Amino acid sequence: MNQKLIQDISQEVYNRFPEVRGKKPKVRSIKFPKTRSITRSPVYLLIFQNQSVTSTKRTLPYYVRVVINEQGRILKITMSH
């Protein structure tokens, strides 16, 4: 996976989710079953992680998961607390 491409995708994620700004993503390759494949080219998962503090002083993990294709097109973005 091209580092320049990861940086470009990261900038998009930082603009949309400022809570993970400055966090480096974990990058993994995804393999889909052939019968359920959404694309024929390789697909990658970028996971950004941070923590937020609640009003009761508890910390909650915050994840932004981005699925991209080999050309850098964002196929899906999900966020969870």
Protein backbone atom coordinates (compact mmCIF):
# COMPACT_ATOMS: atom_id res chain seq x y z
CA MET A 1 0.00 0.00 0.00
CA ASN A 2 1.37 3.37 -1.05
CA GLN A 3 2.26 5.69 1.88
CA LYS A 4 1.23 8.80 -0.08
CA LEU A 5 -2.19 7.25 -0.64
CA ILE A 6 -2.53 6.49 3.09
CA GLN A 7 -1.63 10.09 3.93
CA ASP A 8 -4.23 11.43 1.50
CA ILE A 9 -6.94 9.17 2.92
CA SER A 10 -5.86 10.11 6.45
CA GLN A 11 -6.32 13.82 5.65
CA GLU A 12 -9.87 13.14 4.48
CA VAL A 13 -10.60 11.20 7.67
CA TYR A 14 -9.05 13.94 9.85
CA ASN A 15 -11.27 16.55 8.17
CA ARG A 16 -14.40 14.47 8.67
CA PHE A 17 -13.52 13.08 12.14
CA PRO A 18 -11.27 15.58 13.98
CA GLU A 19 -11.29 13.33 17.06
CA VAL A 20 -8.70 11.07 15.41
CA ARG A 21 -6.54 13.86 13.98
CA GLY A 22 -2.88 12.95 14.17
CA LYS A 23 -3.49 9.26 14.82
CA LYS A 24 -1.83 6.87 12.39
CA PRO A 25 -4.06 4.14 10.99
CA LYS A 26 -3.48 0.43 11.22
CA VAL A 27 -3.63 -0.95 7.68
CA ARG A 28 -4.87 -4.44 6.84
CA SER A 29 -5.72 -6.20 3.63
CA ILE A 30 -9.25 -7.62 3.43
CA LYS A 31 -10.19 -10.81 1.65
CA PHE A 32 -13.84 -11.21 0.69
CA PRO A 33 -15.43 -14.50 -0.28
CA LYS A 34 -15.69 -14.69 -4.07
CA THR A 35 -19.47 -14.96 -3.91
CA ARG A 36 -19.84 -11.74 -1.91
CA SER A 37 -17.03 -9.68 -3.39
CA ILE A 38 -17.86 -6.00 -3.82
CA THR A 39 -14.82 -5.46 -5.97
CA ARG A 40 -12.26 -7.52 -7.83
CA SER A 41 -9.25 -5.36 -6.92
CA PRO A 42 -7.50 -5.61 -3.54
CA VAL A 43 -9.33 -3.89 -0.67
CA TYR A 44 -7.72 -2.43 2.45
CA LEU A 45 -9.02 -1.52 5.89
CA LEU A 46 -7.59 1.50 7.73
CA ILE A 47 -8.43 1.68 11.43
CA PHE A 48 -8.00 4.96 13.32
CA GLN A 49 -8.31 4.78 17.11
CA ASN A 50 -8.59 7.35 19.86
CA GLN A 51 -10.26 7.66 23.26
CA SER A 52 -12.89 10.06 24.52
CA VAL A 53 -13.66 10.90 28.14
CA THR A 54 -17.26 10.82 29.36
CA SER A 55 -18.81 13.20 31.88
CA THR A 56 -18.29 10.50 34.52
CA LYS A 57 -14.54 10.47 33.75
CA ARG A 58 -14.59 7.08 32.02
CA THR A 59 -12.67 6.57 28.82
CA LEU A 60 -14.32 5.11 25.77
CA PRO A 61 -12.44 3.88 22.72
CA TYR A 62 -13.31 5.66 19.49
CA TYR A 63 -12.76 3.89 16.15
CA VAL A 64 -13.01 5.08 12.57
CA ARG A 65 -12.81 2.24 10.03
CA VAL A 66 -12.21 3.10 6.38
CA VAL A 67 -12.43 0.55 3.56
CA ILE A 68 -10.56 1.63 0.42
CA ASN A 69 -9.65 0.04 -2.87
CA GLU A 70 -6.17 -0.12 -4.37
CA GLN A 71 -6.65 3.21 -6.18
CA GLY A 72 -7.52 5.00 -2.94
CA ARG A 73 -11.26 5.31 -3.49
CA ILE A 74 -13.18 5.22 -0.21
CA LEU A 75 -15.74 2.43 -0.36
CA LYS A 76 -17.07 2.68 3.19
CA ILE A 77 -16.49 4.63 6.41
CA THR A 78 -17.84 3.60 9.80
CA MET A 79 -17.40 5.13 13.22
CA SER A 80 -18.06 3.65 16.65
CA HIS A 81 -17.81 4.68 20.26
